[in-house]
């Protein structure tokens, strides 16, 4: 049980660091990655979705669909392919680190309502 706890703690720290960098690349405050619920709200905004849609993650079955949608939109917001979105869905910690520390730049989603306008 101790090994599992240490592994979970390491994974949590990795995701906080990755989200911090992703948020700062997108022009959002990095500290949002350490605030429960607000981090998901911010992630949805970075992905070009309505921030309050994160509440649908609390609904069984719907949460799976919403998670897939947010990772597809997040990949698009950083100019990545559909294959990268599949990586975000299946191997989230690894691909989040690639997104955070790789060469991917935030290009937005073209959604003028949230202020995320694509620069390409």
C-alpha atoms as a PDB file:
ATOM      1  CA  UNK A   1       0.000   0.000   0.000  1.00  0.00           C
ATOM      2  CA  UNK A   2       2.920   2.355   0.666  1.00  0.00           C
ATOM      3  CA  UNK A   3       4.380   1.833  -2.815  1.00  0.00           C
ATOM      4  CA  UNK A   4       1.043   2.682  -4.423  1.00  0.00           C
ATOM      5  CA  UNK A   5       0.784   5.847  -2.334  1.00  0.00           C
ATOM      6  CA  UNK A   6       4.273   6.979  -3.303  1.00  0.00           C
ATOM      7  CA  UNK A   7       3.549   6.266  -6.981  1.00  0.00           C
ATOM      8  CA  UNK A   8       0.266   8.239  -6.775  1.00  0.00           C
ATOM      9  CA  UNK A   9       2.057  11.161  -5.111  1.00  0.00           C
ATOM     10  CA  UNK A  10       4.768  11.212  -7.795  1.00  0.00           C
ATOM     11  CA  UNK A  11       2.124  11.083 -10.543  1.00  0.00           C
ATOM     12  CA  UNK A  12       0.211  13.929  -8.885  1.00  0.00           C
ATOM     13  CA  UNK A  13       3.323  16.126  -8.720  1.00  0.00           C
ATOM     14  CA  UNK A  14       4.128  15.372 -12.380  1.00  0.00           C
ATOM     15  CA  UNK A  15       0.610  16.395 -13.445  1.00  0.00           C
ATOM     16  CA  UNK A  16       0.730  19.602 -11.385  1.00  0.00           C
ATOM     17  CA  UNK A  17       4.029  20.584 -13.019  1.00  0.00           C
ATOM     18  CA  UNK A  18       2.756  19.719 -16.516  1.00  0.00           C
ATOM     19  CA  UNK A  19      -0.520  21.589 -16.047  1.00  0.00           C
ATOM     20  CA  UNK A  20       1.321  24.598 -14.587  1.00  0.00           C
ATOM     21  CA  UNK A  21       3.442  24.866 -17.726  1.00  0.00           C
ATOM     22  CA  UNK A  22       0.464  24.222 -20.053  1.00  0.00           C
ATOM     23  CA  UNK A  23      -1.554  26.945 -18.334  1.00  0.00           C
ATOM     24  CA  UNK A  24       1.285  29.468 -18.534  1.00  0.00           C
ATOM     25  CA  UNK A  25       1.791  28.690 -22.233  1.00  0.00           C
ATOM     26  CA  UNK A  26      -1.895  29.455 -22.747  1.00  0.00           C
ATOM     27  CA  UNK A  27      -1.722  32.736 -20.828  1.00  0.00           C
ATOM     28  CA  UNK A  28      -3.515  31.460 -17.729  1.00  0.00           C
ATOM     29  CA  UNK A  29      -2.109  31.577 -14.191  1.00  0.00           C
ATOM     30  CA  UNK A  30       0.101  28.585 -13.449  1.00  0.00           C
ATOM     31  CA  UNK A  31      -1.022  28.415  -9.825  1.00  0.00           C
ATOM     32  CA  UNK A  32      -4.452  27.321 -11.104  1.00  0.00           C
ATOM     33  CA  UNK A  33      -3.004  23.821 -11.480  1.00  0.00           C
ATOM     34  CA  UNK A  34      -2.865  23.369  -7.693  1.00  0.00           C
ATOM     35  CA  UNK A  35      -6.402  24.542  -6.874  1.00  0.00           C
ATOM     36  CA  UNK A  36      -8.966  21.714  -6.927  1.00  0.00           C
ATOM     37  CA  UNK A  37     -11.862  22.204  -9.353  1.00  0.00           C
ATOM     38  CA  UNK A  38     -10.413  25.495 -10.610  1.00  0.00           C
ATOM     39  CA  UNK A  39      -7.692  23.532 -12.400  1.00  0.00           C
ATOM     40  CA  UNK A  40     -10.316  21.658 -14.404  1.00  0.00           C
ATOM     41  CA  UNK A  41     -12.218  24.890 -15.073  1.00  0.00           C
ATOM     42  CA  UNK A  42      -8.991  26.408 -16.414  1.00  0.00           C
ATOM     43  CA  UNK A  43      -8.163  23.303 -18.468  1.00  0.00           C
ATOM     44  CA  UNK A  44     -11.580  23.488 -20.143  1.00  0.00           C
ATOM     45  CA  UNK A  45     -11.024  27.189 -20.905  1.00  0.00           C
ATOM     46  CA  UNK A  46      -7.574  26.505 -22.376  1.00  0.00           C
ATOM     47  CA  UNK A  47      -9.176  23.821 -24.555  1.00  0.00           C
ATOM     48  CA  UNK A  48     -11.651  26.419 -25.849  1.00  0.00           C
ATOM     49  CA  UNK A  49     -14.651  24.978 -24.066  1.00  0.00           C
ATOM     50  CA  UNK A  50     -16.999  26.599 -21.573  1.00  0.00           C
ATOM     51  CA  UNK A  51     -15.192  26.391 -18.238  1.00  0.00           C
ATOM     52  CA  UNK A  52     -18.311  25.370 -16.368  1.00  0.00           C
ATOM     53  CA  UNK A  53     -18.650  22.255 -18.514  1.00  0.00           C
ATOM     54  CA  UNK A  54     -16.134  20.664 -16.150  1.00  0.00           C
ATOM     55  CA  UNK A  55     -19.080  19.998 -13.833  1.00  0.00           C
ATOM     56  CA  UNK A  56     -20.184  17.324 -16.297  1.00  0.00           C
ATOM     57  CA  UNK A  57     -17.145  15.354 -15.153  1.00  0.00           C
ATOM     58  CA  UNK A  58     -19.151  14.587 -12.009  1.00  0.00           C
ATOM     59  CA  UNK A  59     -21.798  12.708 -14.030  1.00  0.00           C
ATOM     60  CA  UNK A  60     -21.045   9.010 -14.626  1.00  0.00           C
ATOM     61  CA  UNK A  61     -20.579   7.959 -18.276  1.00  0.00           C
ATOM     62  CA  UNK A  62     -20.794  11.608 -19.380  1.00  0.00           C
ATOM     63  CA  UNK A  63     -17.423  12.182 -17.684  1.00  0.00           C
ATOM     64  CA  UNK A  64     -15.723   9.789 -20.101  1.00  0.00           C
ATOM     65  CA  UNK A  65     -17.113  11.630 -23.115  1.00  0.00           C
ATOM     66  CA  UNK A  66     -16.208  15.031 -21.648  1.00  0.00           C
ATOM     67  CA  UNK A  67     -12.647  13.935 -20.860  1.00  0.00           C
ATOM     68  CA  UNK A  68     -12.188  12.737 -24.436  1.00  0.00           C
ATOM     69  CA  UNK A  69     -13.619  15.992 -25.795  1.00  0.00           C
ATOM     70  CA  UNK A  70     -11.401  18.198 -23.638  1.00  0.00           C
ATOM     71  CA  UNK A  71      -8.230  16.330 -24.630  1.00  0.00           C
ATOM     72  CA  UNK A  72      -9.106  16.473 -28.330  1.00  0.00           C
ATOM     73  CA  UNK A  73      -9.753  20.216 -28.042  1.00  0.00           C
ATOM     74  CA  UNK A  74      -6.588  20.699 -25.971  1.00  0.00           C
ATOM     75  CA  UNK A  75      -4.500  19.038 -28.674  1.00  0.00           C
ATOM     76  CA  UNK A  76      -6.123  21.286 -31.298  1.00  0.00           C
ATOM     77  CA  UNK A  77      -5.529  24.381 -29.148  1.00  0.00           C
ATOM     78  CA  UNK A  78      -1.812  23.610 -29.199  1.00  0.00           C
ATOM     79  CA  UNK A  79      -1.767  22.810 -32.918  1.00  0.00           C
ATOM     80  CA  UNK A  80      -1.310  19.075 -32.417  1.00  0.00           C
ATOM     81  CA  UNK A  81      -2.769  16.210 -34.443  1.00  0.00           C
ATOM     82  CA  UNK A  82      -5.531  13.761 -33.652  1.00  0.00           C
ATOM     83  CA  UNK A  83      -2.894  11.133 -32.910  1.00  0.00           C
ATOM     84  CA  UNK A  84      -1.510  13.407 -30.184  1.00  0.00           C
ATOM     85  CA  UNK A  85      -5.047  13.709 -28.788  1.00  0.00           C
ATOM     86  CA  UNK A  86      -5.236   9.903 -28.599  1.00  0.00           C
ATOM     87  CA  UNK A  87      -1.948   9.994 -26.691  1.00  0.00           C
ATOM     88  CA  UNK A  88      -3.389  12.565 -24.280  1.00  0.00           C
ATOM     89  CA  UNK A  89      -6.374  10.302 -23.705  1.00  0.00           C
ATOM     90  CA  UNK A  90      -4.489   7.028 -23.236  1.00  0.00           C
ATOM     91  CA  UNK A  91      -1.139   8.138 -21.745  1.00  0.00           C
ATOM     92  CA  UNK A  92      -2.073  11.463 -20.203  1.00  0.00           C
ATOM     93  CA  UNK A  93       0.928  12.108 -17.910  1.00  0.00           C
ATOM     94  CA  UNK A  94       3.463  11.427 -20.667  1.00  0.00           C
ATOM     95  CA  UNK A  95       1.716  13.460 -23.356  1.00  0.00           C
ATOM     96  CA  UNK A  96       0.933  16.282 -20.923  1.00  0.00           C
ATOM     97  CA  UNK A  97       4.663  16.570 -20.231  1.00  0.00           C
ATOM     98  CA  UNK A  98       5.374  16.560 -23.969  1.00  0.00           C
ATOM     99  CA  UNK A  99       2.782  19.299 -24.459  1.00  0.00           C
ATOM    100  CA  UNK A 100       4.150  21.304 -21.532  1.00  0.00           C
ATOM    101  CA  UNK A 101       7.865  21.096 -22.248  1.00  0.00           C
ATOM    102  CA  UNK A 102       7.860  20.409 -25.982  1.00  0.00           C
ATOM    103  CA  UNK A 103       7.902  22.887 -28.825  1.00  0.00           C
ATOM    104  CA  UNK A 104       4.100  23.059 -29.089  1.00  0.00           C
ATOM    105  CA  UNK A 105       2.806  26.621 -28.864  1.00  0.00           C
ATOM    106  CA  UNK A 106      -0.679  27.673 -27.856  1.00  0.00           C
ATOM    107  CA  UNK A 107      -2.565  28.774 -30.971  1.00  0.00           C
ATOM    108  CA  UNK A 108      -6.031  28.915 -29.447  1.00  0.00           C
ATOM    109  CA  UNK A 109      -9.197  27.446 -30.810  1.00  0.00           C
ATOM    110  CA  UNK A 110     -10.629  30.278 -32.871  1.00  0.00           C
ATOM    111  CA  UNK A 111     -13.342  30.824 -30.262  1.00  0.00           C
ATOM    112  CA  UNK A 112     -13.771  34.574 -29.937  1.00  0.00           C
ATOM    113  CA  UNK A 113     -16.246  34.179 -27.078  1.00  0.00           C
ATOM    114  CA  UNK A 114     -13.542  32.910 -24.703  1.00  0.00           C
ATOM    115  CA  UNK A 115     -10.879  35.132 -26.210  1.00  0.00           C
ATOM    116  CA  UNK A 116      -8.955  32.201 -27.664  1.00  0.00           C
ATOM    117  CA  UNK A 117      -8.307  33.222 -31.248  1.00  0.00           C
ATOM    118  CA  UNK A 118      -6.090  31.113 -33.433  1.00  0.00           C
ATOM    119  CA  UNK A 119      -3.010  32.941 -34.610  1.00  0.00           C
ATOM    120  CA  UNK A 120      -2.244  30.683 -37.561  1.00  0.00           C
END
